[in-house]
Amino acid sequence: MFETFYNLSRIPFSRDIPTQELYKSVILEEILGRLQYAAERRWFAVITGDCGTGKTTTIRCYAEVLNPAKFKVLYISDSRLTPSHF
């Protein structure tokens, strides 16, 4: 409906936006750098935040640059987990 009105090729702000089309904000670059730092040292990394802040999008963005033969990305979505579970 509004896509036609505004002549959009797809729905904006969807969850499946290609990561190469993301706005590379200072905050996104910072977290990607921290994830790279953790990966180079073979550490675990945990991303936390409120709903809708871009955690999953950030993980998708970073996972695309990793060599799948070297790294495994795990996504655990369980709001009942506490720090003691880790």
N, C-alpha and C. Protein backbone atom coordinates (compact mmCIF):
# COMPACT_ATOMS: atom_id res chain seq x y z
N MET A 1 0.82 -1.17 0.00
CA MET A 1 0.00 0.00 0.00
C MET A 1 0.87 1.25 0.00
N PHE A 2 1.62 1.50 1.07
CA PHE A 2 2.47 2.70 1.10
C PHE A 2 3.70 2.54 0.23
N GLU A 3 4.08 1.27 -0.06
CA GLU A 3 5.23 1.04 -0.93
C GLU A 3 4.97 1.63 -2.32
N THR A 4 3.78 1.42 -2.82
CA THR A 4 3.41 1.96 -4.13
C THR A 4 3.35 3.48 -4.09
N PHE A 5 2.74 4.01 -3.04
CA PHE A 5 2.60 5.46 -2.91
C PHE A 5 3.95 6.16 -2.91
N TYR A 6 4.91 5.59 -2.16
CA TYR A 6 6.24 6.20 -2.05
C TYR A 6 7.23 5.63 -3.07
N ASN A 7 6.76 4.75 -3.94
CA ASN A 7 7.59 4.15 -4.99
C ASN A 7 8.79 3.41 -4.39
N LEU A 8 8.54 2.61 -3.36
CA LEU A 8 9.59 1.84 -2.70
C LEU A 8 9.72 0.47 -3.35
N SER A 9 10.93 -0.02 -3.44
CA SER A 9 11.15 -1.34 -4.04
C SER A 9 10.93 -2.47 -3.03
N ARG A 10 10.96 -2.14 -1.73
CA ARG A 10 10.70 -3.13 -0.69
C ARG A 10 10.27 -2.40 0.59
N ILE A 11 9.82 -3.18 1.55
CA ILE A 11 9.38 -2.59 2.82
C ILE A 11 10.61 -2.08 3.58
N PRO A 12 10.60 -0.82 3.99
CA PRO A 12 11.76 -0.29 4.73
C PRO A 12 11.79 -0.80 6.16
N PHE A 13 12.96 -0.84 6.73
CA PHE A 13 13.18 -1.21 8.13
C PHE A 13 12.73 -2.63 8.45
N SER A 14 12.83 -3.52 7.49
CA SER A 14 12.46 -4.91 7.75
C SER A 14 13.64 -5.63 8.39
N ARG A 15 13.35 -6.79 8.95
CA ARG A 15 14.40 -7.58 9.62
C ARG A 15 15.37 -8.21 8.63
N ASP A 16 14.98 -8.34 7.40
CA ASP A 16 15.83 -9.02 6.43
C ASP A 16 16.58 -8.06 5.50
N ILE A 17 16.77 -6.84 5.94
CA ILE A 17 17.53 -5.88 5.13
C ILE A 17 18.94 -6.43 4.90
N PRO A 18 19.43 -6.39 3.69
CA PRO A 18 20.80 -6.87 3.44
C PRO A 18 21.80 -6.08 4.29
N THR A 19 22.73 -6.79 4.90
CA THR A 19 23.65 -6.13 5.83
C THR A 19 24.56 -5.12 5.13
N GLN A 20 24.81 -5.29 3.85
CA GLN A 20 25.65 -4.31 3.15
C GLN A 20 24.92 -2.99 2.96
N GLU A 21 23.61 -2.97 3.19
CA GLU A 21 22.84 -1.74 3.06
C GLU A 21 22.61 -1.05 4.41
N LEU A 22 23.15 -1.59 5.48
CA LEU A 22 22.98 -0.99 6.80
C LEU A 22 23.77 0.31 6.90
N TYR A 23 23.26 1.22 7.68
CA TYR A 23 23.99 2.45 7.99
C TYR A 23 25.08 2.09 8.98
N LYS A 24 26.31 2.35 8.64
CA LYS A 24 27.45 2.00 9.49
C LYS A 24 27.70 3.13 10.49
N SER A 25 26.93 3.13 11.55
CA SER A 25 27.07 4.17 12.58
C SER A 25 28.34 3.93 13.38
N VAL A 26 28.72 4.91 14.15
CA VAL A 26 29.89 4.79 15.02
C VAL A 26 29.68 3.65 16.01
N ILE A 27 28.47 3.53 16.53
CA ILE A 27 28.18 2.47 17.51
C ILE A 27 28.28 1.09 16.86
N LEU A 28 27.76 0.94 15.64
CA LEU A 28 27.86 -0.34 14.95
C LEU A 28 29.31 -0.69 14.67
N GLU A 29 30.08 0.27 14.20
CA GLU A 29 31.51 0.01 13.94
C GLU A 29 32.24 -0.38 15.22
N GLU A 30 31.87 0.23 16.34
CA GLU A 30 32.50 -0.09 17.63
C GLU A 30 32.21 -1.53 18.05
N ILE A 31 30.96 -1.93 17.98
CA ILE A 31 30.62 -3.30 18.39
C ILE A 31 31.22 -4.32 17.43
N LEU A 32 31.26 -4.02 16.14
CA LEU A 32 31.89 -4.93 15.19
C LEU A 32 33.38 -5.07 15.48
N GLY A 33 34.01 -3.98 15.86
CA GLY A 33 35.42 -4.03 16.25
C GLY A 33 35.64 -4.87 17.50
N ARG A 34 34.75 -4.73 18.46
CA ARG A 34 34.86 -5.53 19.69
C ARG A 34 34.64 -7.01 19.42
N LEU A 35 33.69 -7.31 18.54
CA LEU A 35 33.47 -8.71 18.17
C LEU A 35 34.68 -9.28 17.44
N GLN A 36 35.30 -8.48 16.58
CA GLN A 36 36.50 -8.92 15.89
C GLN A 36 37.64 -9.18 16.88
N TYR A 37 37.76 -8.30 17.86
CA TYR A 37 38.78 -8.45 18.90
C TYR A 37 38.58 -9.77 19.66
N ALA A 38 37.33 -10.06 20.01
CA ALA A 38 37.04 -11.30 20.73
C ALA A 38 37.30 -12.52 19.85
N ALA A 39 36.92 -12.45 18.59
CA ALA A 39 37.11 -13.59 17.68
C ALA A 39 38.59 -13.88 17.46
N GLU A 40 39.40 -12.84 17.30
CA GLU A 40 40.84 -13.04 17.09
C GLU A 40 41.50 -13.71 18.28
N ARG A 41 40.94 -13.52 19.47
CA ARG A 41 41.50 -14.10 20.69
C ARG A 41 40.79 -15.38 21.11
N ARG A 42 39.83 -15.80 20.28
CA ARG A 42 39.06 -17.03 20.52
C ARG A 42 38.30 -16.96 21.83
N TRP A 43 37.72 -15.80 22.11
CA TRP A 43 36.91 -15.59 23.30
C TRP A 43 35.44 -15.76 22.94
N PHE A 44 34.62 -15.94 23.97
CA PHE A 44 33.18 -15.86 23.81
C PHE A 44 32.79 -14.40 23.85
N ALA A 45 31.74 -14.05 23.15
CA ALA A 45 31.23 -12.68 23.19
C ALA A 45 29.72 -12.76 23.36
N VAL A 46 29.21 -11.88 24.19
CA VAL A 46 27.78 -11.83 24.45
C VAL A 46 27.29 -10.42 24.13
N ILE A 47 26.20 -10.34 23.40
CA ILE A 47 25.59 -9.05 23.10
C ILE A 47 24.25 -8.99 23.82
N THR A 48 24.08 -7.97 24.63
CA THR A 48 22.83 -7.80 25.36
C THR A 48 22.26 -6.42 25.06
N GLY A 49 21.00 -6.26 25.29
CA GLY A 49 20.36 -4.96 25.09
C GLY A 49 18.86 -5.09 25.08
N ASP A 50 18.19 -3.97 25.10
CA ASP A 50 16.74 -3.95 25.08
C ASP A 50 16.21 -4.43 23.72
N CYS A 51 14.95 -4.77 23.70
CA CYS A 51 14.30 -5.20 22.46
C CYS A 51 14.37 -4.09 21.41
N GLY A 52 14.69 -4.49 20.20
CA GLY A 52 14.68 -3.54 19.09
C GLY A 52 15.91 -2.67 18.96
N THR A 53 16.99 -2.99 19.68
CA THR A 53 18.18 -2.15 19.61
C THR A 53 19.18 -2.60 18.56
N GLY A 54 18.91 -3.72 17.86
CA GLY A 54 19.78 -4.14 16.77
C GLY A 54 20.75 -5.25 17.09
N LYS A 55 20.50 -6.01 18.14
CA LYS A 55 21.41 -7.09 18.51
C LYS A 55 21.50 -8.14 17.40
N THR A 56 20.36 -8.62 16.94
CA THR A 56 20.34 -9.65 15.90
C THR A 56 20.91 -9.11 14.60
N THR A 57 20.58 -7.90 14.25
CA THR A 57 21.11 -7.30 13.03
C THR A 57 22.62 -7.18 13.11
N THR A 58 23.14 -6.79 14.26
CA THR A 58 24.59 -6.69 14.45
C THR A 58 25.25 -8.05 14.29
N ILE A 59 24.65 -9.07 14.86
CA ILE A 59 25.22 -10.42 14.74
C ILE A 59 25.19 -10.88 13.28
N ARG A 60 24.08 -10.61 12.59
CA ARG A 60 24.02 -10.96 11.16
C ARG A 60 25.11 -10.25 10.37
N CYS A 61 25.31 -8.98 10.67
CA CYS A 61 26.31 -8.18 9.99
C CYS A 61 27.71 -8.75 10.22
N TYR A 62 28.02 -9.09 11.45
CA TYR A 62 29.34 -9.61 11.76
C TYR A 62 29.54 -11.03 11.25
N ALA A 63 28.52 -11.86 11.34
CA ALA A 63 28.64 -13.26 10.91
C ALA A 63 28.98 -13.37 9.43
N GLU A 64 28.57 -12.41 8.64
CA GLU A 64 28.85 -12.46 7.20
C GLU A 64 30.32 -12.26 6.86
N VAL A 65 31.08 -11.63 7.74
CA VAL A 65 32.50 -11.40 7.45
C VAL A 65 33.39 -12.50 8.02
N LEU A 66 32.81 -13.38 8.82
CA LEU A 66 33.60 -14.47 9.41
C LEU A 66 33.80 -15.61 8.43
N ASN A 67 34.94 -16.26 8.53
CA ASN A 67 35.23 -17.45 7.74
C ASN A 67 34.48 -18.61 8.40
N PRO A 68 33.48 -19.21 7.73
CA PRO A 68 32.70 -20.28 8.35
C PRO A 68 33.53 -21.53 8.66
N ALA A 69 34.67 -21.69 8.02
CA ALA A 69 35.53 -22.83 8.32
C ALA A 69 36.27 -22.64 9.65
N LYS A 70 36.39 -21.39 10.08
CA LYS A 70 37.11 -21.08 11.31
C LYS A 70 36.23 -20.74 12.49
N PHE A 71 35.04 -20.19 12.24
CA PHE A 71 34.20 -19.66 13.31
C PHE A 71 32.80 -20.23 13.26
N LYS A 72 32.20 -20.35 14.43
CA LYS A 72 30.82 -20.80 14.57
C LYS A 72 30.07 -19.74 15.37
N VAL A 73 28.99 -19.24 14.82
CA VAL A 73 28.17 -18.24 15.50
C VAL A 73 26.96 -18.95 16.09
N LEU A 74 26.77 -18.77 17.39
CA LEU A 74 25.61 -19.34 18.07
C LEU A 74 24.69 -18.21 18.48
N TYR A 75 23.42 -18.38 18.20
CA TYR A 75 22.43 -17.38 18.59
C TYR A 75 21.48 -18.04 19.58
N ILE A 76 21.52 -17.59 20.82
CA ILE A 76 20.66 -18.14 21.86
C ILE A 76 19.66 -17.07 22.24
N SER A 77 18.41 -17.37 22.02
CA SER A 77 17.35 -16.40 22.31
C SER A 77 16.46 -16.97 23.40
N ASP A 78 16.88 -16.80 24.64
CA ASP A 78 16.11 -17.29 25.78
C ASP A 78 16.18 -16.22 26.86
N SER A 79 15.10 -15.51 27.04
CA SER A 79 15.09 -14.40 27.99
C SER A 79 15.17 -14.85 29.44
N ARG A 80 15.06 -16.14 29.70
CA ARG A 80 15.15 -16.63 31.07
C ARG A 80 16.57 -16.93 31.51
N LEU A 81 17.52 -16.83 30.61
CA LEU A 81 18.92 -17.10 30.98
C LEU A 81 19.44 -16.01 31.91
N THR A 82 20.29 -16.43 32.82
CA THR A 82 20.94 -15.49 33.73
C THR A 82 22.45 -15.65 33.56
N PRO A 83 23.24 -14.73 34.10
CA PRO A 83 24.70 -14.89 33.98
C PRO A 83 25.22 -16.21 34.51
N SER A 84 24.57 -16.77 35.51
CA SER A 84 25.05 -18.06 36.06
C SER A 84 24.91 -19.21 35.07
N HIS A 85 24.03 -19.09 34.08
CA HIS A 85 23.92 -20.11 33.06
C HIS A 85 25.17 -20.20 32.18
N PHE A 86 25.92 -19.13 32.11
CA PHE A 86 27.11 -19.12 31.28
C PHE A 86 28.32 -19.53 32.07
